[in-house]
Amino acid sequence: MATTIQLDPKNDLILEDLAARIGQTKEELLRQLVDIAVEELEHFYSAVEIAEKVRTGEEQVFSSAEVKAHLGLAD
């Protein structure tokens, strides 16, 4: 699926320079950037959702002492 974006001229120039230096096209670099960014955004928003569940009491939280005791590792 094609999507068109307008890059900031500075970023466009940086991408063109980098692409030329490493022997890839600007499009290849943009695909890599999107892949990385999408994965990072997924992780970020998952953490936000979990933090909200912890805040509202929907997600249970355990101290390290409780985890150690549960695993039989208590001092």
Foldseek 3Di string as FASTA:
>chain_A
DDDDDDDDPVVVVVLCVVCVVVVHDSVVVVVVVVVVVVVVVVVVVVVVVVVVCVVVVVDDDDDPQRVCVVVVNHD
